[in-house]
């Protein structure tokens, strides 16, 4: 049987402990549009490859 927590505490990180630059910290990070464009330009040869399958 799986027990689910329904009364989780409301935990908030104090503003002074948060990174001032949103690109750093745990979790998703901001990505510049230039980086997205660079990945898009090679996506057909880079994305979706697997080390377990022939290319």
PDB file of N, CA and C in Angstrom:
ATOM      1  N   UNK A   1       0.842  -1.182   0.000  1.00  0.00           N
ATOM      2  CA  UNK A   1       0.000   0.000   0.000  1.00  0.00           C
ATOM      3  C   UNK A   1       0.885   1.243   0.000  1.00  0.00           C
ATOM      4  N   UNK A   2       0.526   2.215  -0.796  1.00  0.00           N
ATOM      5  CA  UNK A   2       1.279   3.464  -0.892  1.00  0.00           C
ATOM      6  C   UNK A   2       0.592   4.509  -0.045  1.00  0.00           C
ATOM      7  N   UNK A   3       1.356   5.167   0.813  1.00  0.00           N
ATOM      8  CA  UNK A   3       0.816   6.237   1.648  1.00  0.00           C
ATOM      9  C   UNK A   3       1.159   7.580   1.013  1.00  0.00           C
ATOM     10  N   UNK A   4       0.191   8.432   0.897  1.00  0.00           N
ATOM     11  CA  UNK A   4       0.393   9.761   0.323  1.00  0.00           C
ATOM     12  C   UNK A   4       0.330  10.808   1.424  1.00  0.00           C
ATOM     13  N   UNK A   5       1.223  11.775   1.349  1.00  0.00           N
ATOM     14  CA  UNK A   5       1.234  12.865   2.321  1.00  0.00           C
ATOM     15  C   UNK A   5       0.229  13.908   1.869  1.00  0.00           C
ATOM     16  N   UNK A   6      -0.719  14.184   2.696  1.00  0.00           N
ATOM     17  CA  UNK A   6      -1.737  15.180   2.342  1.00  0.00           C
ATOM     18  C   UNK A   6      -1.563  16.479   3.104  1.00  0.00           C
ATOM     19  N   UNK A   7      -0.846  16.421   4.202  1.00  0.00           N
ATOM     20  CA  UNK A   7      -0.650  17.622   5.014  1.00  0.00           C
ATOM     21  C   UNK A   7       0.809  18.054   4.977  1.00  0.00           C
ATOM     22  N   UNK A   8       1.337  18.254   3.765  1.00  0.00           N
ATOM     23  CA  UNK A   8       2.730  18.656   3.614  1.00  0.00           C
ATOM     24  C   UNK A   8       2.914  20.078   4.127  1.00  0.00           C
ATOM     25  N   UNK A   9       4.021  20.332   4.808  1.00  0.00           N
ATOM     26  CA  UNK A   9       4.263  21.687   5.317  1.00  0.00           C
ATOM     27  C   UNK A   9       4.504  22.666   4.165  1.00  0.00           C
ATOM     28  N   UNK A  10       4.151  23.911   4.373  1.00  0.00           N
ATOM     29  CA  UNK A  10       4.375  24.972   3.382  1.00  0.00           C
ATOM     30  C   UNK A  10       5.793  25.494   3.579  1.00  0.00           C
ATOM     31  N   UNK A  11       6.733  24.942   2.816  1.00  0.00           N
ATOM     32  CA  UNK A  11       8.144  25.317   2.962  1.00  0.00           C
ATOM     33  C   UNK A  11       8.487  26.377   1.926  1.00  0.00           C
ATOM     34  N   UNK A  12       9.070  27.458   2.389  1.00  0.00           N
ATOM     35  CA  UNK A  12       9.472  28.549   1.502  1.00  0.00           C
ATOM     36  C   UNK A  12      10.931  28.890   1.747  1.00  0.00           C
ATOM     37  N   UNK A  13      11.670  29.069   0.657  1.00  0.00           N
ATOM     38  CA  UNK A  13      13.078  29.442   0.765  1.00  0.00           C
ATOM     39  C   UNK A  13      13.151  30.958   0.909  1.00  0.00           C
ATOM     40  N   UNK A  14      13.849  31.439   1.931  1.00  0.00           N
ATOM     41  CA  UNK A  14      13.976  32.885   2.106  1.00  0.00           C
ATOM     42  C   UNK A  14      14.628  33.535   0.890  1.00  0.00           C
ATOM     43  N   UNK A  15      14.152  34.698   0.515  1.00  0.00           N
ATOM     44  CA  UNK A  15      14.635  35.400  -0.674  1.00  0.00           C
ATOM     45  C   UNK A  15      16.147  35.608  -0.642  1.00  0.00           C
ATOM     46  N   UNK A  16      16.717  35.840   0.542  1.00  0.00           N
ATOM     47  CA  UNK A  16      18.159  36.086   0.630  1.00  0.00           C
ATOM     48  C   UNK A  16      18.992  34.833   0.348  1.00  0.00           C
ATOM     49  N   UNK A  17      18.354  33.656   0.356  1.00  0.00           N
ATOM     50  CA  UNK A  17      19.066  32.417   0.052  1.00  0.00           C
ATOM     51  C   UNK A  17      18.922  32.006  -1.414  1.00  0.00           C
ATOM     52  N   UNK A  18      18.021  32.630  -2.134  1.00  0.00           N
ATOM     53  CA  UNK A  18      17.817  32.304  -3.540  1.00  0.00           C
ATOM     54  C   UNK A  18      18.926  32.917  -4.389  1.00  0.00           C
ATOM     55  N   UNK A  19      19.358  32.231  -5.456  1.00  0.00           N
ATOM     56  CA  UNK A  19      20.389  32.810  -6.317  1.00  0.00           C
ATOM     57  C   UNK A  19      19.865  34.062  -7.016  1.00  0.00           C
ATOM     58  N   UNK A  20      20.700  35.078  -7.124  1.00  0.00           N
ATOM     59  CA  UNK A  20      20.272  36.319  -7.765  1.00  0.00           C
ATOM     60  C   UNK A  20      20.165  36.158  -9.276  1.00  0.00           C
ATOM     61  N   UNK A  21      20.933  35.229  -9.830  1.00  0.00           N
ATOM     62  CA  UNK A  21      20.899  34.967 -11.261  1.00  0.00           C
ATOM     63  C   UNK A  21      20.094  33.689 -11.471  1.00  0.00           C
ATOM     64  N   UNK A  22      18.948  33.789 -12.155  1.00  0.00           N
ATOM     65  CA  UNK A  22      18.045  32.666 -12.328  1.00  0.00           C
ATOM     66  C   UNK A  22      18.596  31.505 -13.119  1.00  0.00           C
ATOM     67  N   UNK A  23      19.768  31.678 -13.740  1.00  0.00           N
ATOM     68  CA  UNK A  23      20.362  30.575 -14.498  1.00  0.00           C
ATOM     69  C   UNK A  23      21.009  29.535 -13.603  1.00  0.00           C
ATOM     70  N   UNK A  24      21.212  29.856 -12.330  1.00  0.00           N
ATOM     71  CA  UNK A  24      21.902  28.950 -11.426  1.00  0.00           C
ATOM     72  C   UNK A  24      20.991  28.547 -10.282  1.00  0.00           C
ATOM     73  N   UNK A  25      21.146  27.335  -9.825  1.00  0.00           N
ATOM     74  CA  UNK A  25      20.341  26.812  -8.739  1.00  0.00           C
ATOM     75  C   UNK A  25      19.828  25.442  -9.126  1.00  0.00           C
ATOM     76  N   UNK A  26      19.154  24.786  -8.225  1.00  0.00           N
ATOM     77  CA  UNK A  26      18.638  23.467  -8.544  1.00  0.00           C
ATOM     78  C   UNK A  26      17.374  23.596  -9.379  1.00  0.00           C
ATOM     79  N   UNK A  27      17.147  22.622 -10.218  1.00  0.00           N
ATOM     80  CA  UNK A  27      15.955  22.644 -11.050  1.00  0.00           C
ATOM     81  C   UNK A  27      16.232  23.194 -12.429  1.00  0.00           C
ATOM     82  N   UNK A  28      15.177  23.449 -13.180  1.00  0.00           N
ATOM     83  CA  UNK A  28      15.342  23.954 -14.549  1.00  0.00           C
ATOM     84  C   UNK A  28      16.114  25.278 -14.565  1.00  0.00           C
ATOM     85  N   UNK A  29      16.857  25.490 -15.625  1.00  0.00           N
ATOM     86  CA  UNK A  29      17.599  26.740 -15.749  1.00  0.00           C
ATOM     87  C   UNK A  29      17.168  27.476 -17.002  1.00  0.00           C
ATOM     88  N   UNK A  30      17.457  28.762 -17.028  1.00  0.00           N
ATOM     89  CA  UNK A  30      17.143  29.578 -18.195  1.00  0.00           C
ATOM     90  C   UNK A  30      18.120  29.249 -19.311  1.00  0.00           C
ATOM     91  N   UNK A  31      17.637  29.228 -20.527  1.00  0.00           N
ATOM     92  CA  UNK A  31      18.478  28.955 -21.689  1.00  0.00           C
ATOM     93  C   UNK A  31      18.313  30.113 -22.665  1.00  0.00           C
ATOM     94  N   UNK A  32      19.453  30.635 -23.133  1.00  0.00           N
ATOM     95  CA  UNK A  32      19.406  31.763 -24.070  1.00  0.00           C
ATOM     96  C   UNK A  32      18.844  31.311 -25.412  1.00  0.00           C
ATOM     97  N   UNK A  33      18.134  32.204 -26.119  1.00  0.00           N
ATOM     98  CA  UNK A  33      17.594  31.871 -27.442  1.00  0.00           C
ATOM     99  C   UNK A  33      18.674  31.402 -28.414  1.00  0.00           C
ATOM    100  N   UNK A  34      19.896  31.944 -28.303  1.00  0.00           N
ATOM    101  CA  UNK A  34      20.989  31.542 -29.183  1.00  0.00           C
ATOM    102  C   UNK A  34      21.357  30.074 -28.960  1.00  0.00           C
ATOM    103  N   UNK A  35      21.283  29.622 -27.727  1.00  0.00           N
ATOM    104  CA  UNK A  35      21.582  28.226 -27.423  1.00  0.00           C
ATOM    105  C   UNK A  35      20.501  27.312 -27.999  1.00  0.00           C
ATOM    106  N   UNK A  36      19.260  27.721 -27.895  1.00  0.00           N
ATOM    107  CA  UNK A  36      18.154  26.934 -28.448  1.00  0.00           C
ATOM    108  C   UNK A  36      18.303  26.852 -29.965  1.00  0.00           C
ATOM    109  N   UNK A  37      18.638  27.973 -30.606  1.00  0.00           N
ATOM    110  CA  UNK A  37      18.813  27.988 -32.062  1.00  0.00           C
ATOM    111  C   UNK A  37      19.971  27.076 -32.474  1.00  0.00           C
ATOM    112  N   UNK A  38      21.052  27.077 -31.700  1.00  0.00           N
ATOM    113  CA  UNK A  38      22.188  26.214 -32.003  1.00  0.00           C
ATOM    114  C   UNK A  38      21.816  24.744 -31.915  1.00  0.00           C
ATOM    115  N   UNK A  39      21.045  24.384 -30.906  1.00  0.00           N
ATOM    116  CA  UNK A  39      20.599  22.996 -30.776  1.00  0.00           C
ATOM    117  C   UNK A  39      19.638  22.633 -31.897  1.00  0.00           C
ATOM    118  N   UNK A  40      18.758  23.545 -32.228  1.00  0.00           N
ATOM    119  CA  UNK A  40      17.808  23.295 -33.309  1.00  0.00           C
ATOM    120  C   UNK A  40      18.527  23.050 -34.634  1.00  0.00           C
ATOM    121  N   UNK A  41      19.636  23.741 -34.855  1.00  0.00           N
ATOM    122  CA  UNK A  41      20.354  23.593 -36.125  1.00  0.00           C
ATOM    123  C   UNK A  41      20.993  22.216 -36.297  1.00  0.00           C
ATOM    124  N   UNK A  42      21.218  21.489 -35.207  1.00  0.00           N
ATOM    125  CA  UNK A  42      21.809  20.147 -35.294  1.00  0.00           C
ATOM    126  C   UNK A  42      20.875  19.070 -34.756  1.00  0.00           C
ATOM    127  N   UNK A  43      19.620  19.432 -34.500  1.00  0.00           N
ATOM    128  CA  UNK A  43      18.684  18.525 -33.836  1.00  0.00           C
ATOM    129  C   UNK A  43      18.488  17.212 -34.585  1.00  0.00           C
ATOM    130  N   UNK A  44      18.491  17.238 -35.905  1.00  0.00           N
ATOM    131  CA  UNK A  44      18.234  15.998 -36.645  1.00  0.00           C
ATOM    132  C   UNK A  44      19.382  15.002 -36.536  1.00  0.00           C
ATOM    133  N   UNK A  45      20.577  15.462 -36.180  1.00  0.00           N
ATOM    134  CA  UNK A  45      21.709  14.550 -36.021  1.00  0.00           C
ATOM    135  C   UNK A  45      22.103  14.359 -34.556  1.00  0.00           C
ATOM    136  N   UNK A  46      21.561  15.164 -33.675  1.00  0.00           N
ATOM    137  CA  UNK A  46      21.984  15.119 -32.266  1.00  0.00           C
ATOM    138  C   UNK A  46      20.904  14.539 -31.367  1.00  0.00           C
ATOM    139  N   UNK A  47      19.700  15.038 -31.473  1.00  0.00           N
ATOM    140  CA  UNK A  47      18.627  14.591 -30.604  1.00  0.00           C
ATOM    141  C   UNK A  47      18.111  13.225 -31.016  1.00  0.00           C
ATOM    142  N   UNK A  48      17.712  12.448 -30.060  1.00  0.00           N
ATOM    143  CA  UNK A  48      17.106  11.161 -30.330  1.00  0.00           C
ATOM    144  C   UNK A  48      18.092  10.027 -30.540  1.00  0.00           C
ATOM    145  N   UNK A  49      19.377  10.299 -30.386  1.00  0.00           N
ATOM    146  CA  UNK A  49      20.331   9.216 -30.532  1.00  0.00           C
ATOM    147  C   UNK A  49      20.389   8.433 -29.234  1.00  0.00           C
ATOM    148  N   UNK A  50      20.771   7.179 -29.322  1.00  0.00           N
ATOM    149  CA  UNK A  50      20.853   6.325 -28.142  1.00  0.00           C
ATOM    150  C   UNK A  50      22.138   5.514 -28.202  1.00  0.00           C
ATOM    151  N   UNK A  51      22.743   5.321 -27.071  1.00  0.00           N
ATOM    152  CA  UNK A  51      23.947   4.494 -27.026  1.00  0.00           C
ATOM    153  C   UNK A  51      23.607   3.009 -27.129  1.00  0.00           C
ATOM    154  N   UNK A  52      22.333   2.668 -27.060  1.00  0.00           N
ATOM    155  CA  UNK A  52      21.914   1.271 -27.123  1.00  0.00           C
ATOM    156  C   UNK A  52      21.451   0.832 -28.510  1.00  0.00           C
ATOM    157  N   UNK A  53      21.361   1.743 -29.428  1.00  0.00           N
ATOM    158  CA  UNK A  53      20.871   1.403 -30.754  1.00  0.00           C
ATOM    159  C   UNK A  53      21.846   1.913 -31.806  1.00  0.00           C
ATOM    160  N   UNK A  54      21.835   1.244 -32.939  1.00  0.00           N
ATOM    161  CA  UNK A  54      22.644   1.728 -34.054  1.00  0.00           C
ATOM    162  C   UNK A  54      22.065   3.054 -34.520  1.00  0.00           C
ATOM    163  N   UNK A  55      22.908   3.935 -34.979  1.00  0.00           N
ATOM    164  CA  UNK A  55      22.436   5.261 -35.405  1.00  0.00           C
ATOM    165  C   UNK A  55      21.789   5.226 -36.721  1.00  0.00           C
TER     166      UNK A  55
END
